PDB file of N, CA and C in Angstrom:
ATOM      1  N   MET A   1     -32.648   5.768  -8.456  1.00  0.00           N
ATOM      2  CA  MET A   1     -31.355   4.937  -8.168  1.00  0.00           C
ATOM      3  C   MET A   1     -30.372   5.421  -9.173  1.00  0.00           C
ATOM      4  N   GLY A   2     -29.119   5.133  -8.468  1.00  0.00           N
ATOM      5  CA  GLY A   2     -27.920   5.714  -9.247  1.00  0.00           C
ATOM      6  C   GLY A   2     -27.641   4.663 -10.232  1.00  0.00           C
ATOM      7  N   ARG A   3     -26.452   5.163 -10.937  1.00  0.00           N
ATOM      8  CA  ARG A   3     -25.791   4.205 -11.952  1.00  0.00           C
ATOM      9  C   ARG A   3     -25.218   2.965 -11.359  1.00  0.00           C
ATOM     10  N   THR A   4     -25.345   1.794 -11.841  1.00  0.00           N
ATOM     11  CA  THR A   4     -24.635   0.678 -11.396  1.00  0.00           C
ATOM     12  C   THR A   4     -23.280   0.398 -12.068  1.00  0.00           C
ATOM     13  N   LYS A   5     -22.258  -0.262 -11.738  1.00  0.00           N
ATOM     14  CA  LYS A   5     -21.175  -0.687 -12.289  1.00  0.00           C
ATOM     15  C   LYS A   5     -21.253  -2.192 -12.325  1.00  0.00           C
ATOM     16  N   THR A   6     -20.436  -2.746 -13.360  1.00  0.00           N
ATOM     17  CA  THR A   6     -20.393  -4.140 -13.238  1.00  0.00           C
ATOM     18  C   THR A   6     -19.197  -4.542 -12.617  1.00  0.00           C
ATOM     19  N   PHE A   7     -18.999  -5.879 -12.227  1.00  0.00           N
ATOM     20  CA  PHE A   7     -17.901  -6.346 -11.373  1.00  0.00           C
ATOM     21  C   PHE A   7     -16.689  -6.107 -12.161  1.00  0.00           C
ATOM     22  N   ALA A   8     -16.650  -6.105 -13.384  1.00  0.00           N
ATOM     23  CA  ALA A   8     -15.287  -5.890 -14.069  1.00  0.00           C
ATOM     24  C   ALA A   8     -15.012  -4.489 -14.191  1.00  0.00           C
ATOM     25  N   GLU A   9     -15.797  -3.698 -14.081  1.00  0.00           N
ATOM     26  CA  GLU A   9     -15.383  -2.152 -14.037  1.00  0.00           C
ATOM     27  C   GLU A   9     -14.787  -1.785 -12.611  1.00  0.00           C
ATOM     28  N   ILE A  10     -15.392  -2.382 -11.582  1.00  0.00           N
ATOM     29  CA  ILE A  10     -15.014  -2.311 -10.217  1.00  0.00           C
ATOM     30  C   ILE A  10     -13.372  -2.975 -10.098  1.00  0.00           C
ATOM     31  N   GLY A  11     -13.402  -4.152 -10.623  1.00  0.00           N
ATOM     32  CA  GLY A  11     -12.275  -4.803 -10.450  1.00  0.00           C
ATOM     33  C   GLY A  11     -11.116  -4.475 -11.268  1.00  0.00           C
ATOM     34  N   ALA A  12     -11.385  -3.600 -12.283  1.00  0.00           N
ATOM     35  CA  ALA A  12     -10.335  -3.079 -13.274  1.00  0.00           C
ATOM     36  C   ALA A  12      -9.562  -2.082 -12.491  1.00  0.00           C
ATOM     37  N   GLY A  13      -9.970  -1.473 -11.470  1.00  0.00           N
ATOM     38  CA  GLY A  13      -9.364  -0.464 -10.714  1.00  0.00           C
ATOM     39  C   GLY A  13      -9.471   1.007 -11.008  1.00  0.00           C
ATOM     40  N   ASN A  14     -10.567   1.218 -11.918  1.00  0.00           N
ATOM     41  CA  ASN A  14     -10.830   2.546 -12.237  1.00  0.00           C
ATOM     42  C   ASN A  14     -12.009   3.240 -11.388  1.00  0.00           C
ATOM     43  N   VAL A  15     -12.505   2.318 -10.562  1.00  0.00           N
ATOM     44  CA  VAL A  15     -13.545   2.728  -9.564  1.00  0.00           C
ATOM     45  C   VAL A  15     -13.255   2.464  -8.193  1.00  0.00           C
ATOM     46  N   ASN A  16     -13.453   3.577  -7.250  1.00  0.00           N
ATOM     47  CA  ASN A  16     -13.159   3.364  -5.821  1.00  0.00           C
ATOM     48  C   ASN A  16     -14.522   3.447  -5.160  1.00  0.00           C
ATOM     49  N   VAL A  17     -14.562   2.673  -4.185  1.00  0.00           N
ATOM     50  CA  VAL A  17     -15.923   2.827  -3.329  1.00  0.00           C
ATOM     51  C   VAL A  17     -15.581   3.959  -2.071  1.00  0.00           C
ATOM     52  N   ARG A  18     -16.690   4.861  -2.020  1.00  0.00           N
ATOM     53  CA  ARG A  18     -16.718   5.987  -0.884  1.00  0.00           C
ATOM     54  C   ARG A  18     -17.783   5.792   0.090  1.00  0.00           C
ATOM     55  N   VAL A  19     -17.572   5.922   1.343  1.00  0.00           N
ATOM     56  CA  VAL A  19     -18.513   5.650   2.221  1.00  0.00           C
ATOM     57  C   VAL A  19     -18.899   7.048   3.008  1.00  0.00           C
ATOM     58  N   THR A  20     -19.927   7.562   2.785  1.00  0.00           N
ATOM     59  CA  THR A  20     -20.150   8.952   3.248  1.00  0.00           C
ATOM     60  C   THR A  20     -20.440   8.763   4.940  1.00  0.00           C
ATOM     61  N   LYS A  21     -20.524  10.238   5.405  1.00  0.00           N
ATOM     62  CA  LYS A  21     -20.843  10.190   6.755  1.00  0.00           C
ATOM     63  C   LYS A  21     -22.036   9.716   7.329  1.00  0.00           C
ATOM     64  N   SER A  22     -22.971   9.582   6.556  1.00  0.00           N
ATOM     65  CA  SER A  22     -24.448   8.927   6.770  1.00  0.00           C
ATOM     66  C   SER A  22     -24.264   7.495   6.481  1.00  0.00           C
ATOM     67  N   GLY A  23     -23.098   6.971   6.103  1.00  0.00           N
ATOM     68  CA  GLY A  23     -23.218   5.417   5.975  1.00  0.00           C
ATOM     69  C   GLY A  23     -23.558   5.039   4.512  1.00  0.00           C
ATOM     70  N   LYS A  24     -23.816   5.892   3.735  1.00  0.00           N
ATOM     71  CA  LYS A  24     -24.178   5.455   2.439  1.00  0.00           C
ATOM     72  C   LYS A  24     -22.898   5.102   1.422  1.00  0.00           C
ATOM     73  N   PHE A  25     -22.980   4.247   0.664  1.00  0.00           N
ATOM     74  CA  PHE A  25     -21.869   3.867  -0.111  1.00  0.00           C
ATOM     75  C   PHE A  25     -22.017   4.585  -1.579  1.00  0.00           C
ATOM     76  N   GLY A  26     -20.930   5.106  -2.123  1.00  0.00           N
ATOM     77  CA  GLY A  26     -21.091   5.614  -3.496  1.00  0.00           C
ATOM     78  C   GLY A  26     -19.728   5.189  -4.252  1.00  0.00           C
ATOM     79  N   LEU A  27     -19.843   5.312  -5.729  1.00  0.00           N
ATOM     80  CA  LEU A  27     -18.687   4.805  -6.405  1.00  0.00           C
ATOM     81  C   LEU A  27     -18.039   6.190  -7.090  1.00  0.00           C
ATOM     82  N   ILE A  28     -16.696   6.139  -6.972  1.00  0.00           N
ATOM     83  CA  ILE A  28     -15.931   7.348  -7.515  1.00  0.00           C
ATOM     84  C   ILE A  28     -14.989   6.776  -8.614  1.00  0.00           C
ATOM     85  N   LYS A  29     -14.964   7.500  -9.770  1.00  0.00           N
ATOM     86  CA  LYS A  29     -14.233   7.035 -10.955  1.00  0.00           C
ATOM     87  C   LYS A  29     -12.979   7.699 -10.720  1.00  0.00           C
ATOM     88  N   VAL A  30     -11.833   6.841 -11.024  1.00  0.00           N
ATOM     89  CA  VAL A  30     -10.449   7.408 -10.592  1.00  0.00           C
ATOM     90  C   VAL A  30      -9.673   7.478 -12.016  1.00  0.00           C
ATOM     91  N   ASN A  31      -9.124   8.452 -12.248  1.00  0.00           N
ATOM     92  CA  ASN A  31      -8.301   8.695 -13.501  1.00  0.00           C
ATOM     93  C   ASN A  31      -6.960   7.903 -13.279  1.00  0.00           C
ATOM     94  N   LYS A  32      -7.030   6.934 -14.258  1.00  0.00           N
ATOM     95  CA  LYS A  32      -5.748   6.106 -14.212  1.00  0.00           C
ATOM     96  C   LYS A  32      -4.604   6.921 -14.915  1.00  0.00           C
ATOM     97  N   ASN A  33      -4.948   7.915 -15.668  1.00  0.00           N
ATOM     98  CA  ASN A  33      -3.788   8.715 -16.389  1.00  0.00           C
ATOM     99  C   ASN A  33      -3.171   9.727 -15.599  1.00  0.00           C
ATOM    100  N   ALA A  34      -3.484   9.838 -14.196  1.00  0.00           N
ATOM    101  CA  ALA A  34      -2.834  10.899 -13.374  1.00  0.00           C
ATOM    102  C   ALA A  34      -1.315  10.670 -13.235  1.00  0.00           C
ATOM    103  N   LYS A  35      -0.604  11.864 -13.295  1.00  0.00           N
ATOM    104  CA  LYS A  35       0.651  11.758 -13.251  1.00  0.00           C
ATOM    105  C   LYS A  35       1.133  11.492 -11.849  1.00  0.00           C
ATOM    106  N   PRO A  36       2.367  10.827 -11.443  1.00  0.00           N
ATOM    107  CA  PRO A  36       2.788  10.687 -10.256  1.00  0.00           C
ATOM    108  C   PRO A  36       3.343  12.127  -9.731  1.00  0.00           C
ATOM    109  N   PRO A  37       3.614  12.385  -8.437  1.00  0.00           N
ATOM    110  CA  PRO A  37       3.908  13.544  -8.003  1.00  0.00           C
ATOM    111  C   PRO A  37       5.361  13.903  -8.500  1.00  0.00           C
ATOM    112  N   ALA A  38       5.639  15.143  -8.819  1.00  0.00           N
ATOM    113  CA  ALA A  38       6.851  15.638  -9.160  1.00  0.00           C
ATOM    114  C   ALA A  38       7.966  15.351  -8.177  1.00  0.00           C
ATOM    115  N   ALA A  39       9.261  15.344  -8.668  1.00  0.00           N
ATOM    116  CA  ALA A  39      10.411  15.175  -7.505  1.00  0.00           C
ATOM    117  C   ALA A  39      10.265  16.185  -6.432  1.00  0.00           C
ATOM    118  N   GLN A  40      10.011  17.457  -7.003  1.00  0.00           N
ATOM    119  CA  GLN A  40       9.964  18.419  -5.950  1.00  0.00           C
ATOM    120  C   GLN A  40       8.987  18.261  -4.843  1.00  0.00           C
ATOM    121  N   MET A  41       7.732  17.761  -5.244  1.00  0.00           N
ATOM    122  CA  MET A  41       6.689  17.534  -4.442  1.00  0.00           C
ATOM    123  C   MET A  41       6.945  16.287  -3.514  1.00  0.00           C
ATOM    124  N   ALA A  42       7.561  15.357  -4.179  1.00  0.00           N
ATOM    125  CA  ALA A  42       7.991  14.201  -3.249  1.00  0.00           C
ATOM    126  C   ALA A  42       9.090  14.677  -1.919  1.00  0.00           C
ATOM    127  N   LYS A  43       9.920  15.538  -2.536  1.00  0.00           N
ATOM    128  CA  LYS A  43      10.837  16.155  -1.365  1.00  0.00           C
ATOM    129  C   LYS A  43      10.156  16.885  -0.414  1.00  0.00           C
ATOM    130  N   MET A  44       9.321  17.758  -0.927  1.00  0.00           N
ATOM    131  CA  MET A  44       8.506  18.597   0.043  1.00  0.00           C
ATOM    132  C   MET A  44       7.822  17.572   1.036  1.00  0.00           C
ATOM    133  N   LYS A  45       7.119  16.647   0.603  1.00  0.00           N
ATOM    134  CA  LYS A  45       6.536  15.780   1.415  1.00  0.00           C
ATOM    135  C   LYS A  45       7.458  15.050   2.509  1.00  0.00           C
ATOM    136  N   SER A  46       8.685  14.626   2.067  1.00  0.00           N
ATOM    137  CA  SER A  46       9.623  14.062   3.110  1.00  0.00           C
ATOM    138  C   SER A  46      10.281  15.064   4.042  1.00  0.00           C
ATOM    139  N   CYS A  47      10.255  16.391   3.577  1.00  0.00           N
ATOM    140  CA  CYS A  47      10.715  17.393   4.604  1.00  0.00           C
ATOM    141  C   CYS A  47       9.660  17.836   5.525  1.00  0.00           C
ATOM    142  N   ALA A  48       8.372  17.702   4.984  1.00  0.00           N
ATOM    143  CA  ALA A  48       7.258  18.166   5.941  1.00  0.00           C
ATOM    144  C   ALA A  48       7.174  17.075   6.967  1.00  0.00           C
ATOM    145  N   ALA A  49       7.406  15.805   6.710  1.00  0.00           N
ATOM    146  CA  ALA A  49       7.385  14.619   7.689  1.00  0.00           C
ATOM    147  C   ALA A  49       8.374  14.886   8.685  1.00  0.00           C
ATOM    148  N   ALA A  50       9.661  15.152   8.218  1.00  0.00           N
ATOM    149  CA  ALA A  50      10.812  15.464   9.022  1.00  0.00           C
ATOM    150  C   ALA A  50      10.462  16.571  10.031  1.00  0.00           C
ATOM    151  N   ASN A  51       9.806  17.509   9.587  1.00  0.00           N
ATOM    152  CA  ASN A  51       9.612  18.822  10.434  1.00  0.00           C
ATOM    153  C   ASN A  51       8.315  18.706  11.154  1.00  0.00           C
ATOM    154  N   ARG A  52       7.682  17.583  11.198  1.00  0.00           N
ATOM    155  CA  ARG A  52       6.207  17.378  12.001  1.00  0.00           C
ATOM    156  C   ARG A  52       6.479  17.790  13.463  1.00  0.00           C
ATOM    157  N   GLY A  53       5.519  18.419  14.002  1.00  0.00           N
ATOM    158  CA  GLY A  53       5.491  19.062  15.206  1.00  0.00           C
ATOM    159  C   GLY A  53       6.101  20.250  15.560  1.00  0.00           C
ATOM    160  N   LYS A  54       6.692  20.849  14.457  1.00  0.00           N
ATOM    161  CA  LYS A  54       7.414  22.046  14.653  1.00  0.00           C
ATOM    162  C   LYS A  54       6.263  23.128  14.159  1.00  0.00           C
ATOM    163  N   ARG A  55       6.250  24.413  14.811  1.00  0.00           N
ATOM    164  CA  ARG A  55       5.376  25.395  14.286  1.00  0.00           C
ATOM    165  C   ARG A  55       6.016  26.718  13.877  1.00  0.00           C
ATOM    166  N   GLY A  56       5.329  27.464  13.116  1.00  0.00           N
ATOM    167  CA  GLY A  56       5.799  28.853  12.683  1.00  0.00           C
ATOM    168  C   GLY A  56       7.028  28.862  11.940  1.00  0.00           C
ATOM    169  N   SER A  57       7.994  29.862  12.679  1.00  0.00           N
ATOM    170  CA  SER A  57       9.178  30.210  11.913  1.00  0.00           C
ATOM    171  C   SER A  57      10.273  28.865  12.126  1.00  0.00           C
ATOM    172  N   GLU A  58       9.985  28.196  13.259  1.00  0.00           N
ATOM    173  CA  GLU A  58      10.852  26.969  13.477  1.00  0.00           C
ATOM    174  C   GLU A  58      10.648  25.872  12.312  1.00  0.00           C
ATOM    175  N   PHE A  59       9.310  25.836  11.788  1.00  0.00           N
ATOM    176  CA  PHE A  59       8.883  24.904  10.845  1.00  0.00           C
ATOM    177  C   PHE A  59       9.490  25.342   9.489  1.00  0.00           C
ATOM    178  N   LYS A  60       9.369  26.709   9.247  1.00  0.00           N
ATOM    179  CA  LYS A  60       9.888  27.392   8.052  1.00  0.00           C
ATOM    180  C   LYS A  60      11.172  27.218   7.854  1.00  0.00           C
ATOM    181  N   SER A  61      11.961  27.385   8.868  1.00  0.00           N
ATOM    182  CA  SER A  61      13.502  27.371   8.670  1.00  0.00           C
ATOM    183  C   SER A  61      13.968  25.964   8.526  1.00  0.00           C
ATOM    184  N   GLY A  62      13.273  24.911   9.210  1.00  0.00           N
ATOM    185  CA  GLY A  62      13.477  23.506   8.967  1.00  0.00           C
ATOM    186  C   GLY A  62      13.217  22.997   7.574  1.00  0.00           C
ATOM    187  N   MET A  63      12.033  23.605   7.099  1.00  0.00           N
ATOM    188  CA  MET A  63      11.802  23.272   5.623  1.00  0.00           C
ATOM    189  C   MET A  63      12.760  23.816   4.593  1.00  0.00           C
ATOM    190  N   LYS A  64      13.209  25.176   4.765  1.00  0.00           N
ATOM    191  CA  LYS A  64      14.151  25.775   4.153  1.00  0.00           C
ATOM    192  C   LYS A  64      15.560  24.988   3.983  1.00  0.00           C
ATOM    193  N   SER A  65      16.089  24.535   5.198  1.00  0.00           N
ATOM    194  CA  SER A  65      17.197  23.957   5.260  1.00  0.00           C
ATOM    195  C   SER A  65      17.112  22.526   4.580  1.00  0.00           C
ATOM    196  N   CYS A  66      16.108  21.988   4.832  1.00  0.00           N
ATOM    197  CA  CYS A  66      15.827  20.467   4.056  1.00  0.00           C
ATOM    198  C   CYS A  66      15.811  20.771   2.682  1.00  0.00           C
ATOM    199  N   LEU A  67      14.877  21.520   2.080  1.00  0.00           N
ATOM    200  CA  LEU A  67      14.831  21.657   0.677  1.00  0.00           C
ATOM    201  C   LEU A  67      16.162  22.119  -0.044  1.00  0.00           C
ATOM    202  N   SER A  68      16.935  22.882   0.740  1.00  0.00           N
ATOM    203  CA  SER A  68      18.331  23.494   0.045  1.00  0.00           C
ATOM    204  C   SER A  68      19.094  22.200  -0.088  1.00  0.00           C
ATOM    205  N   LYS A  69      19.176  21.043   0.594  1.00  0.00           N
ATOM    206  CA  LYS A  69      20.087  20.030   0.513  1.00  0.00           C
ATOM    207  C   LYS A  69      20.012  19.445  -0.667  1.00  0.00           C
TER     208      LYS A  69
END
């Protein structure tokens, strides 16, 4: 049997529950010291969302114009 976690550890937010494809539950430790995404990555995410549905060179040119603003 795997390691068990106390309710305090799960409630503290440093453990997430994962369900596998077979339906089994597992616990994943989450790093609380992870850095938030950099400003450039946030901008890339919003530009990618704005260009959703475009493909190839159309997507590439849309991203280029969005990132240069």
